Amino acid sequence: MKKIILLIFMMTFVSCALLSPNPNRKDELVDKGLFLRPFTTDYCSEWPDGKFTDPKQWADCCFTHDMHYWIGGTKDERIASDKELERCVKNASDSLNGFLMYLGVRMGGKPGNAAYAWGYGWTKDRDYFEIDSDEAKKAYHLLEQSELNKNEKEKELINIFIEQILIKKIKN
């Protein structure tokens, strides 16, 4: 009887050790697909980037908003990002356009597997979460290396995002 109990204990112990992630082996998480992909944007997803007379009129607003959505973060950070998109588009065009875009992102941008969902840069669906220092460093390097960082306007927007968002998270 003691041998059976000992055998069950050993099997339980070994299975727990095998199933528990080792915090010293973060690379194993990458192998399972839990990593941040390079930044991509389609600017104003499912919405024009500007008016017929100025086709990129509020595209910069959407580019910045996409950086926020790419990395994700907390629920409060999403709300702030969506409000900033509304303000930016309002300043670039008008109140109605800003409000309609705000409604669109609030309804369609929740965390999930869509290409425009909150946290879309992660290879696996992630709900609202705090960006830690290591994740912010990875995002920083991905943005620095991005092909989008070669266009002067986009380079400026990326640098602002790095300074205002990522540097603070790296220091925390």
C-alpha atoms as a PDB file:
ATOM      1  CA  MET A   1       0.000   0.000   0.000  1.00  0.00           C
ATOM      2  CA  LYS A   2       2.851   2.412   0.885  1.00  0.00           C
ATOM      3  CA  LYS A   3       4.456   1.720  -2.491  1.00  0.00           C
ATOM      4  CA  ILE A   4       1.230   2.665  -4.309  1.00  0.00           C
ATOM      5  CA  ILE A   5       0.877   5.910  -2.339  1.00  0.00           C
ATOM      6  CA  LEU A   6       4.534   6.704  -2.962  1.00  0.00           C
ATOM      7  CA  LEU A   7       4.098   5.953  -6.685  1.00  0.00           C
ATOM      8  CA  ILE A   8       1.024   8.226  -6.909  1.00  0.00           C
ATOM      9  CA  PHE A   9       2.886  10.987  -5.068  1.00  0.00           C
ATOM     10  CA  MET A  10       5.890  10.687  -7.394  1.00  0.00           C
ATOM     11  CA  MET A  11       3.705  10.724 -10.538  1.00  0.00           C
ATOM     12  CA  THR A  12       1.832  13.781  -9.273  1.00  0.00           C
ATOM     13  CA  PHE A  13       5.060  15.582  -8.395  1.00  0.00           C
ATOM     14  CA  VAL A  14       6.671  14.812 -11.758  1.00  0.00           C
ATOM     15  CA  SER A  15       3.584  15.812 -13.757  1.00  0.00           C
ATOM     16  CA  CYS A  16       3.334  19.126 -11.876  1.00  0.00           C
ATOM     17  CA  ALA A  17       6.996  19.832 -12.528  1.00  0.00           C
ATOM     18  CA  LEU A  18       6.585  19.083 -16.219  1.00  0.00           C
ATOM     19  CA  LEU A  19       3.463  21.198 -16.632  1.00  0.00           C
ATOM     20  CA  SER A  20       4.634  24.225 -14.645  1.00  0.00           C
ATOM     21  CA  PRO A  21       6.465  26.844 -16.703  1.00  0.00           C
ATOM     22  CA  ASN A  22       9.971  27.606 -15.587  1.00  0.00           C
ATOM     23  CA  PRO A  23      10.387  31.391 -15.183  1.00  0.00           C
ATOM     24  CA  ASN A  24      14.072  31.018 -16.039  1.00  0.00           C
ATOM     25  CA  ARG A  25      13.235  29.585 -19.444  1.00  0.00           C
ATOM     26  CA  LYS A  26      11.283  32.417 -21.089  1.00  0.00           C
ATOM     27  CA  ASP A  27      12.354  31.226 -24.547  1.00  0.00           C
ATOM     28  CA  GLU A  28       9.995  28.276 -24.169  1.00  0.00           C
ATOM     29  CA  LEU A  29       7.103  30.750 -24.136  1.00  0.00           C
ATOM     30  CA  VAL A  30       8.291  32.201 -27.437  1.00  0.00           C
ATOM     31  CA  ASP A  31       8.316  28.711 -28.938  1.00  0.00           C
ATOM     32  CA  LYS A  32       4.648  28.385 -28.004  1.00  0.00           C
ATOM     33  CA  GLY A  33       3.841  31.597 -29.842  1.00  0.00           C
ATOM     34  CA  LEU A  34       3.495  34.052 -26.956  1.00  0.00           C
ATOM     35  CA  PHE A  35       5.394  36.953 -28.475  1.00  0.00           C
ATOM     36  CA  LEU A  36       4.919  40.359 -30.026  1.00  0.00           C
ATOM     37  CA  ARG A  37       4.953  40.458 -33.821  1.00  0.00           C
ATOM     38  CA  PRO A  38       6.379  43.413 -35.789  1.00  0.00           C
ATOM     39  CA  PHE A  39       4.120  46.457 -35.938  1.00  0.00           C
ATOM     40  CA  THR A  40       1.663  46.653 -38.822  1.00  0.00           C
ATOM     41  CA  THR A  41      -1.023  49.173 -39.616  1.00  0.00           C
ATOM     42  CA  ASP A  42      -3.824  49.618 -42.078  1.00  0.00           C
ATOM     43  CA  TYR A  43      -4.352  53.137 -40.718  1.00  0.00           C
ATOM     44  CA  CYS A  44      -8.093  53.693 -40.276  1.00  0.00           C
ATOM     45  CA  SER A  45      -9.393  50.110 -40.349  1.00  0.00           C
ATOM     46  CA  GLU A  46     -12.703  49.875 -42.189  1.00  0.00           C
ATOM     47  CA  TRP A  47     -12.836  53.689 -42.421  1.00  0.00           C
ATOM     48  CA  PRO A  48     -11.369  56.221 -44.872  1.00  0.00           C
ATOM     49  CA  ASP A  49      -7.995  57.762 -43.973  1.00  0.00           C
ATOM     50  CA  GLY A  50      -9.252  61.149 -45.104  1.00  0.00           C
ATOM     51  CA  LYS A  51     -11.648  62.990 -47.388  1.00  0.00           C
ATOM     52  CA  PHE A  52     -11.624  62.788 -51.186  1.00  0.00           C
ATOM     53  CA  THR A  53      -9.829  66.140 -51.351  1.00  0.00           C
ATOM     54  CA  ASP A  54      -7.255  65.092 -48.708  1.00  0.00           C
ATOM     55  CA  PRO A  55      -6.995  61.263 -48.678  1.00  0.00           C
ATOM     56  CA  LYS A  56      -4.613  61.154 -45.670  1.00  0.00           C
ATOM     57  CA  GLN A  57      -6.287  63.924 -43.648  1.00  0.00           C
ATOM     58  CA  TRP A  58      -6.515  61.972 -40.363  1.00  0.00           C
ATOM     59  CA  ALA A  59      -4.295  58.981 -41.204  1.00  0.00           C
ATOM     60  CA  ASP A  60      -1.699  60.061 -38.600  1.00  0.00           C
ATOM     61  CA  CYS A  61      -4.374  59.785 -35.894  1.00  0.00           C
ATOM     62  CA  CYS A  62      -5.082  56.206 -36.942  1.00  0.00           C
ATOM     63  CA  PHE A  63      -1.378  55.335 -37.219  1.00  0.00           C
ATOM     64  CA  THR A  64      -0.798  56.361 -33.593  1.00  0.00           C
ATOM     65  CA  HIS A  65      -3.993  54.626 -32.478  1.00  0.00           C
ATOM     66  CA  ASP A  66      -2.809  51.444 -34.211  1.00  0.00           C
ATOM     67  CA  MET A  67       0.455  51.505 -32.236  1.00  0.00           C
ATOM     68  CA  HIS A  68      -1.595  51.550 -29.031  1.00  0.00           C
ATOM     69  CA  TYR A  69      -3.810  48.710 -30.261  1.00  0.00           C
ATOM     70  CA  TRP A  70      -0.816  46.721 -31.506  1.00  0.00           C
ATOM     71  CA  ILE A  71       0.811  46.503 -28.085  1.00  0.00           C
ATOM     72  CA  GLY A  72      -2.423  46.527 -26.067  1.00  0.00           C
ATOM     73  CA  GLY A  73      -2.458  47.136 -22.344  1.00  0.00           C
ATOM     74  CA  THR A  74      -5.056  47.808 -19.683  1.00  0.00           C
ATOM     75  CA  LYS A  75      -8.713  48.619 -20.183  1.00  0.00           C
ATOM     76  CA  ASP A  76      -8.077  52.202 -19.041  1.00  0.00           C
ATOM     77  CA  GLU A  77      -5.268  52.553 -21.599  1.00  0.00           C
ATOM     78  CA  ARG A  78      -7.646  51.425 -24.352  1.00  0.00           C
ATOM     79  CA  ILE A  79     -10.266  53.955 -23.289  1.00  0.00           C
ATOM     80  CA  ALA A  80      -7.629  56.725 -23.250  1.00  0.00           C
ATOM     81  CA  SER A  81      -6.352  55.661 -26.687  1.00  0.00           C
ATOM     82  CA  ASP A  82      -9.866  55.671 -28.143  1.00  0.00           C
ATOM     83  CA  LYS A  83     -10.619  59.107 -26.647  1.00  0.00           C
ATOM     84  CA  GLU A  84      -7.334  60.426 -28.080  1.00  0.00           C
ATOM     85  CA  LEU A  85      -8.309  59.070 -31.519  1.00  0.00           C
ATOM     86  CA  GLU A  86     -11.637  60.895 -31.260  1.00  0.00           C
ATOM     87  CA  ARG A  87      -9.896  64.149 -30.259  1.00  0.00           C
ATOM     88  CA  CYS A  88      -7.271  63.857 -32.994  1.00  0.00           C
ATOM     89  CA  VAL A  89      -9.767  63.086 -35.766  1.00  0.00           C
ATOM     90  CA  LYS A  90     -12.054  65.869 -34.536  1.00  0.00           C
ATOM     91  CA  ASN A  91      -9.137  68.323 -34.816  1.00  0.00           C
ATOM     92  CA  ALA A  92      -8.170  66.985 -38.248  1.00  0.00           C
ATOM     93  CA  SER A  93     -11.720  66.990 -39.659  1.00  0.00           C
ATOM     94  CA  ASP A  94     -14.871  67.491 -37.586  1.00  0.00           C
ATOM     95  CA  SER A  95     -16.707  66.406 -34.428  1.00  0.00           C
ATOM     96  CA  LEU A  96     -19.062  64.002 -36.176  1.00  0.00           C
ATOM     97  CA  ASN A  97     -16.239  62.088 -37.858  1.00  0.00           C
ATOM     98  CA  GLY A  98     -14.299  61.901 -34.590  1.00  0.00           C
ATOM     99  CA  PHE A  99     -17.359  60.663 -32.708  1.00  0.00           C
ATOM    100  CA  LEU A 100     -18.222  58.038 -35.346  1.00  0.00           C
ATOM    101  CA  MET A 101     -14.668  56.708 -35.304  1.00  0.00           C
ATOM    102  CA  TYR A 102     -14.747  56.616 -31.518  1.00  0.00           C
ATOM    103  CA  LEU A 103     -17.964  54.573 -31.576  1.00  0.00           C
ATOM    104  CA  GLY A 104     -16.484  52.211 -34.144  1.00  0.00           C
ATOM    105  CA  VAL A 105     -13.346  51.456 -32.162  1.00  0.00           C
ATOM    106  CA  ARG A 106     -15.256  51.108 -28.902  1.00  0.00           C
ATOM    107  CA  MET A 107     -17.616  48.557 -30.448  1.00  0.00           C
ATOM    108  CA  GLY A 108     -15.171  46.666 -32.650  1.00  0.00           C
ATOM    109  CA  GLY A 109     -11.786  46.958 -30.976  1.00  0.00           C
ATOM    110  CA  LYS A 110     -12.119  44.818 -27.872  1.00  0.00           C
ATOM    111  CA  PRO A 111      -9.431  42.166 -27.265  1.00  0.00           C
ATOM    112  CA  GLY A 112      -9.749  39.191 -29.588  1.00  0.00           C
ATOM    113  CA  ASN A 113      -8.321  37.698 -32.734  1.00  0.00           C
ATOM    114  CA  ALA A 114      -9.271  40.392 -35.254  1.00  0.00           C
ATOM    115  CA  ALA A 115      -6.450  42.230 -37.034  1.00  0.00           C
ATOM    116  CA  TYR A 116      -7.682  45.455 -35.441  1.00  0.00           C
ATOM    117  CA  ALA A 117      -8.403  44.126 -31.918  1.00  0.00           C
ATOM    118  CA  TRP A 118      -6.783  45.544 -28.785  1.00  0.00           C
ATOM    119  CA  GLY A 119      -3.420  43.781 -28.467  1.00  0.00           C
ATOM    120  CA  TYR A 120      -3.431  42.553 -32.088  1.00  0.00           C
ATOM    121  CA  GLY A 121       0.371  42.453 -32.149  1.00  0.00           C
ATOM    122  CA  TRP A 122       0.500  39.417 -29.867  1.00  0.00           C
ATOM    123  CA  THR A 123       0.539  35.984 -31.470  1.00  0.00           C
ATOM    124  CA  LYS A 124      -2.077  34.673 -29.057  1.00  0.00           C
ATOM    125  CA  ASP A 125      -5.216  36.416 -27.905  1.00  0.00           C
ATOM    126  CA  ARG A 126      -4.585  38.453 -24.799  1.00  0.00           C
ATOM    127  CA  ASP A 127      -7.170  40.219 -22.751  1.00  0.00           C
ATOM    128  CA  TYR A 128      -6.496  43.535 -21.032  1.00  0.00           C
ATOM    129  CA  PHE A 129      -3.091  43.374 -19.340  1.00  0.00           C
ATOM    130  CA  GLU A 130      -0.354  45.597 -18.009  1.00  0.00           C
ATOM    131  CA  ILE A 131       2.646  45.893 -20.344  1.00  0.00           C
ATOM    132  CA  ASP A 132       5.740  44.942 -18.363  1.00  0.00           C
ATOM    133  CA  SER A 133       9.222  46.354 -18.841  1.00  0.00           C
ATOM    134  CA  ASP A 134      10.464  43.430 -20.967  1.00  0.00           C
ATOM    135  CA  GLU A 135       7.456  43.677 -23.286  1.00  0.00           C
ATOM    136  CA  ALA A 136       7.949  47.434 -23.628  1.00  0.00           C
ATOM    137  CA  LYS A 137      11.620  46.878 -24.528  1.00  0.00           C
ATOM    138  CA  LYS A 138      10.620  44.352 -27.190  1.00  0.00           C
ATOM    139  CA  ALA A 139       8.065  46.804 -28.606  1.00  0.00           C
ATOM    140  CA  TYR A 140      10.684  49.561 -28.583  1.00  0.00           C
ATOM    141  CA  HIS A 141      13.095  47.451 -30.651  1.00  0.00           C
ATOM    142  CA  LEU A 142      10.395  46.289 -33.052  1.00  0.00           C
ATOM    143  CA  LEU A 143       9.319  49.874 -33.707  1.00  0.00           C
ATOM    144  CA  GLU A 144      12.896  51.037 -34.187  1.00  0.00           C
ATOM    145  CA  GLN A 145      13.469  48.273 -36.754  1.00  0.00           C
ATOM    146  CA  SER A 146      10.116  48.703 -38.501  1.00  0.00           C
ATOM    147  CA  GLU A 147       9.993  49.409 -42.219  1.00  0.00           C
ATOM    148  CA  LEU A 148       7.446  52.082 -41.299  1.00  0.00           C
ATOM    149  CA  ASN A 149      10.200  53.909 -39.420  1.00  0.00           C
ATOM    150  CA  LYS A 150      11.750  55.000 -42.740  1.00  0.00           C
ATOM    151  CA  ASN A 151       9.008  57.456 -43.698  1.00  0.00           C
ATOM    152  CA  GLU A 152       9.727  60.817 -42.001  1.00  0.00           C
ATOM    153  CA  LYS A 153       6.174  61.444 -40.751  1.00  0.00           C
ATOM    154  CA  GLU A 154       5.723  57.906 -39.468  1.00  0.00           C
ATOM    155  CA  LYS A 155       9.203  58.011 -37.922  1.00  0.00           C
ATOM    156  CA  GLU A 156       8.152  61.100 -35.992  1.00  0.00           C
ATOM    157  CA  LEU A 157       4.947  59.397 -34.781  1.00  0.00           C
ATOM    158  CA  ILE A 158       6.876  56.272 -33.753  1.00  0.00           C
ATOM    159  CA  ASN A 159       9.401  58.372 -31.805  1.00  0.00           C
ATOM    160  CA  ILE A 160       6.612  60.203 -29.983  1.00  0.00           C
ATOM    161  CA  PHE A 161       4.972  56.883 -29.077  1.00  0.00           C
ATOM    162  CA  ILE A 162       8.289  55.495 -27.841  1.00  0.00           C
ATOM    163  CA  GLU A 163       8.978  58.585 -25.720  1.00  0.00           C
ATOM    164  CA  GLN A 164       5.472  59.039 -24.314  1.00  0.00           C
ATOM    165  CA  ILE A 165       4.436  55.413 -23.815  1.00  0.00           C
ATOM    166  CA  LEU A 166       7.232  52.856 -23.985  1.00  0.00           C
ATOM    167  CA  ILE A 167      10.017  54.671 -22.120  1.00  0.00           C
ATOM    168  CA  LYS A 168       7.712  55.101 -19.097  1.00  0.00           C
ATOM    169  CA  LYS A 169       6.888  51.389 -19.125  1.00  0.00           C
ATOM    170  CA  ILE A 170      10.528  50.385 -19.501  1.00  0.00           C
ATOM    171  CA  LYS A 171      11.479  52.468 -16.452  1.00  0.00           C
ATOM    172  CA  ASN A 172       8.726  50.919 -14.308  1.00  0.00           C
END
